[in-house]
Amino acid sequence: MSLLPYVQITLSVILVILVLLQHSDASAGGAFGQADSAANTRTRRGGEKFIFIFTVVVAILFVLSAITALLVK
């Protein structure tokens, strides 16, 4: 039995949770490109920066596991 599908499921659940935890200041207008670009400048600090970096790492691991799954078949 292969361990790869379980790794992908775990990574996908972690990725969804991390994306939902991230802070967003976008309103309905921002979703359609009407946001003021000057108002969107802020720096990630502390826990928010850690969650962002961890999200990127988990996303890269998920993509690598998906590529590995394609190559193994």
N, C-alpha and C. Protein backbone atom coordinates (compact mmCIF):
# COMPACT_ATOMS: atom_id res chain seq x y z
N MET A 1 0.84 -1.18 0.00
CA MET A 1 0.00 0.00 0.00
C MET A 1 0.89 1.25 0.00
N SER A 2 0.54 2.17 -0.84
CA SER A 2 1.33 3.38 -0.98
C SER A 2 0.95 4.41 0.08
N LEU A 3 1.92 5.12 0.54
CA LEU A 3 1.74 6.15 1.55
C LEU A 3 1.41 7.51 0.92
N LEU A 4 1.68 7.66 -0.37
CA LEU A 4 1.55 8.95 -1.04
C LEU A 4 0.13 9.54 -1.02
N PRO A 5 -0.93 8.77 -1.23
CA PRO A 5 -2.28 9.39 -1.15
C PRO A 5 -2.60 9.95 0.23
N TYR A 6 -2.14 9.29 1.27
CA TYR A 6 -2.37 9.79 2.63
C TYR A 6 -1.59 11.07 2.89
N VAL A 7 -0.40 11.16 2.33
CA VAL A 7 0.40 12.37 2.46
C VAL A 7 -0.30 13.52 1.73
N GLN A 8 -0.82 13.26 0.54
CA GLN A 8 -1.51 14.30 -0.21
C GLN A 8 -2.78 14.77 0.50
N ILE A 9 -3.54 13.86 1.06
CA ILE A 9 -4.75 14.23 1.79
C ILE A 9 -4.40 15.09 3.00
N THR A 10 -3.38 14.69 3.73
CA THR A 10 -2.95 15.45 4.90
C THR A 10 -2.47 16.84 4.51
N LEU A 11 -1.66 16.92 3.47
CA LEU A 11 -1.16 18.22 3.03
C LEU A 11 -2.29 19.11 2.53
N SER A 12 -3.28 18.54 1.84
CA SER A 12 -4.38 19.35 1.34
C SER A 12 -5.24 19.89 2.47
N VAL A 13 -5.48 19.09 3.50
CA VAL A 13 -6.26 19.57 4.64
C VAL A 13 -5.51 20.68 5.37
N ILE A 14 -4.21 20.49 5.58
CA ILE A 14 -3.40 21.51 6.24
C ILE A 14 -3.38 22.79 5.41
N LEU A 15 -3.28 22.65 4.09
CA LEU A 15 -3.24 23.81 3.20
C LEU A 15 -4.55 24.59 3.26
N VAL A 16 -5.67 23.91 3.25
CA VAL A 16 -6.97 24.58 3.34
C VAL A 16 -7.09 25.33 4.65
N ILE A 17 -6.70 24.70 5.75
CA ILE A 17 -6.77 25.35 7.06
C ILE A 17 -5.88 26.59 7.10
N LEU A 18 -4.67 26.49 6.57
CA LEU A 18 -3.76 27.63 6.59
C LEU A 18 -4.27 28.78 5.74
N VAL A 19 -4.86 28.47 4.60
CA VAL A 19 -5.40 29.53 3.75
C VAL A 19 -6.57 30.23 4.44
N LEU A 20 -7.40 29.45 5.12
CA LEU A 20 -8.54 30.05 5.82
C LEU A 20 -8.11 30.87 7.03
N LEU A 21 -6.97 30.57 7.61
CA LEU A 21 -6.47 31.32 8.76
C LEU A 21 -5.87 32.67 8.39
N GLN A 22 -5.52 32.85 7.13
CA GLN A 22 -4.84 34.07 6.74
C GLN A 22 -5.79 35.26 6.75
N HIS A 23 -5.25 36.39 7.15
CA HIS A 23 -6.00 37.62 7.28
C HIS A 23 -6.17 38.27 5.91
N SER A 24 -7.37 38.77 5.64
CA SER A 24 -7.62 39.43 4.38
C SER A 24 -8.39 40.72 4.62
N ASP A 25 -7.93 41.82 4.03
CA ASP A 25 -8.62 43.10 4.13
C ASP A 25 -9.46 43.37 2.89
N ALA A 26 -9.54 42.43 1.97
CA ALA A 26 -10.27 42.66 0.73
C ALA A 26 -11.77 42.63 0.97
N SER A 27 -12.43 43.61 0.41
CA SER A 27 -13.89 43.66 0.49
C SER A 27 -14.46 43.15 -0.83
N ALA A 28 -15.75 43.31 -1.02
CA ALA A 28 -16.37 42.86 -2.27
C ALA A 28 -15.81 43.63 -3.46
N GLY A 29 -15.50 44.91 -3.26
CA GLY A 29 -14.91 45.70 -4.35
C GLY A 29 -13.50 45.23 -4.67
N GLY A 30 -12.77 44.79 -3.65
CA GLY A 30 -11.42 44.29 -3.87
C GLY A 30 -11.40 43.00 -4.66
N ALA A 31 -12.45 42.22 -4.55
CA ALA A 31 -12.53 40.96 -5.28
C ALA A 31 -12.67 41.21 -6.78
N PHE A 32 -13.20 42.38 -7.14
CA PHE A 32 -13.40 42.69 -8.55
C PHE A 32 -12.41 43.71 -9.08
N GLY A 33 -11.35 43.95 -8.33
CA GLY A 33 -10.28 44.81 -8.80
C GLY A 33 -10.51 46.29 -8.55
N GLN A 34 -11.41 46.66 -7.68
CA GLN A 34 -11.70 48.06 -7.44
C GLN A 34 -11.06 48.59 -6.16
N ALA A 35 -10.17 47.85 -5.57
CA ALA A 35 -9.56 48.27 -4.31
C ALA A 35 -8.51 49.34 -4.56
N ASP A 36 -8.34 50.22 -3.60
CA ASP A 36 -7.33 51.26 -3.68
C ASP A 36 -5.97 50.63 -3.38
N SER A 37 -5.03 50.75 -4.30
CA SER A 37 -3.74 50.08 -4.13
C SER A 37 -2.94 50.68 -2.98
N ALA A 38 -3.13 51.96 -2.68
CA ALA A 38 -2.38 52.59 -1.58
C ALA A 38 -2.85 52.08 -0.23
N ALA A 39 -4.10 51.65 -0.13
CA ALA A 39 -4.63 51.18 1.14
C ALA A 39 -4.23 49.74 1.44
N ASN A 40 -3.69 49.04 0.48
CA ASN A 40 -3.37 47.63 0.65
C ASN A 40 -1.92 47.38 1.02
N THR A 41 -1.19 48.40 1.40
CA THR A 41 0.21 48.22 1.75
C THR A 41 0.34 48.02 3.25
N ARG A 42 0.71 46.81 3.63
CA ARG A 42 0.97 46.50 5.03
C ARG A 42 1.96 45.35 5.09
N THR A 43 2.62 45.22 6.20
CA THR A 43 3.66 44.22 6.36
C THR A 43 3.17 43.10 7.26
N ARG A 44 3.49 41.88 6.88
CA ARG A 44 3.17 40.73 7.73
C ARG A 44 4.21 40.66 8.85
N ARG A 45 3.72 40.46 10.07
CA ARG A 45 4.63 40.37 11.21
C ARG A 45 4.18 39.27 12.13
N GLY A 46 5.13 38.71 12.85
CA GLY A 46 4.83 37.73 13.89
C GLY A 46 4.17 36.47 13.36
N GLY A 47 3.04 36.14 13.99
CA GLY A 47 2.33 34.91 13.66
C GLY A 47 1.79 34.91 12.24
N GLU A 48 1.37 36.09 11.77
CA GLU A 48 0.85 36.17 10.41
C GLU A 48 1.93 35.84 9.38
N LYS A 49 3.15 36.29 9.62
CA LYS A 49 4.25 36.00 8.72
C LYS A 49 4.59 34.50 8.76
N PHE A 50 4.55 33.90 9.96
CA PHE A 50 4.82 32.47 10.09
C PHE A 50 3.77 31.66 9.33
N ILE A 51 2.49 32.02 9.48
CA ILE A 51 1.42 31.30 8.78
C ILE A 51 1.59 31.44 7.27
N PHE A 52 1.96 32.63 6.80
CA PHE A 52 2.16 32.85 5.37
C PHE A 52 3.30 31.97 4.83
N ILE A 53 4.44 31.99 5.52
CA ILE A 53 5.59 31.20 5.06
C ILE A 53 5.28 29.70 5.13
N PHE A 54 4.61 29.28 6.20
CA PHE A 54 4.25 27.87 6.35
C PHE A 54 3.26 27.45 5.26
N THR A 55 2.36 28.35 4.86
CA THR A 55 1.42 28.06 3.78
C THR A 55 2.17 27.85 2.47
N VAL A 56 3.16 28.68 2.20
CA VAL A 56 3.95 28.54 0.97
C VAL A 56 4.70 27.21 0.97
N VAL A 57 5.28 26.85 2.11
CA VAL A 57 6.03 25.59 2.22
C VAL A 57 5.10 24.39 2.01
N VAL A 58 3.93 24.42 2.63
CA VAL A 58 2.98 23.31 2.48
C VAL A 58 2.47 23.22 1.04
N ALA A 59 2.26 24.37 0.40
CA ALA A 59 1.82 24.37 -0.99
C ALA A 59 2.88 23.77 -1.91
N ILE A 60 4.13 24.11 -1.67
CA ILE A 60 5.22 23.54 -2.47
C ILE A 60 5.32 22.03 -2.24
N LEU A 61 5.19 21.60 -1.00
CA LEU A 61 5.22 20.16 -0.71
C LEU A 61 4.06 19.44 -1.37
N PHE A 62 2.88 20.07 -1.40
CA PHE A 62 1.72 19.46 -2.05
C PHE A 62 1.94 19.32 -3.55
N VAL A 63 2.49 20.35 -4.18
CA VAL A 63 2.76 20.28 -5.62
C VAL A 63 3.81 19.21 -5.92
N LEU A 64 4.84 19.14 -5.10
CA LEU A 64 5.87 18.11 -5.30
C LEU A 64 5.30 16.70 -5.11
N SER A 65 4.39 16.54 -4.15
CA SER A 65 3.77 15.22 -3.97
C SER A 65 2.86 14.86 -5.14
N ALA A 66 2.19 15.87 -5.71
CA ALA A 66 1.35 15.60 -6.87
C ALA A 66 2.20 15.22 -8.09
N ILE A 67 3.32 15.89 -8.27
CA ILE A 67 4.23 15.54 -9.38
C ILE A 67 4.80 14.14 -9.15
N THR A 68 5.16 13.83 -7.93
CA THR A 68 5.68 12.50 -7.59
C THR A 68 4.63 11.43 -7.89
N ALA A 69 3.36 11.72 -7.57
CA ALA A 69 2.29 10.76 -7.84
C ALA A 69 2.14 10.52 -9.33
N LEU A 70 2.33 11.55 -10.14
CA LEU A 70 2.24 11.38 -11.59
C LEU A 70 3.40 10.56 -12.13
N LEU A 71 4.58 10.77 -11.57
CA LEU A 71 5.76 10.07 -12.06
C LEU A 71 5.80 8.61 -11.62
N VAL A 72 5.19 8.32 -10.47
CA VAL A 72 5.20 6.95 -9.96
C VAL A 72 4.28 6.05 -10.79
N LYS A 73 3.18 6.61 -11.25
CA LYS A 73 2.22 5.82 -12.04
C LYS A 73 2.83 5.46 -13.33
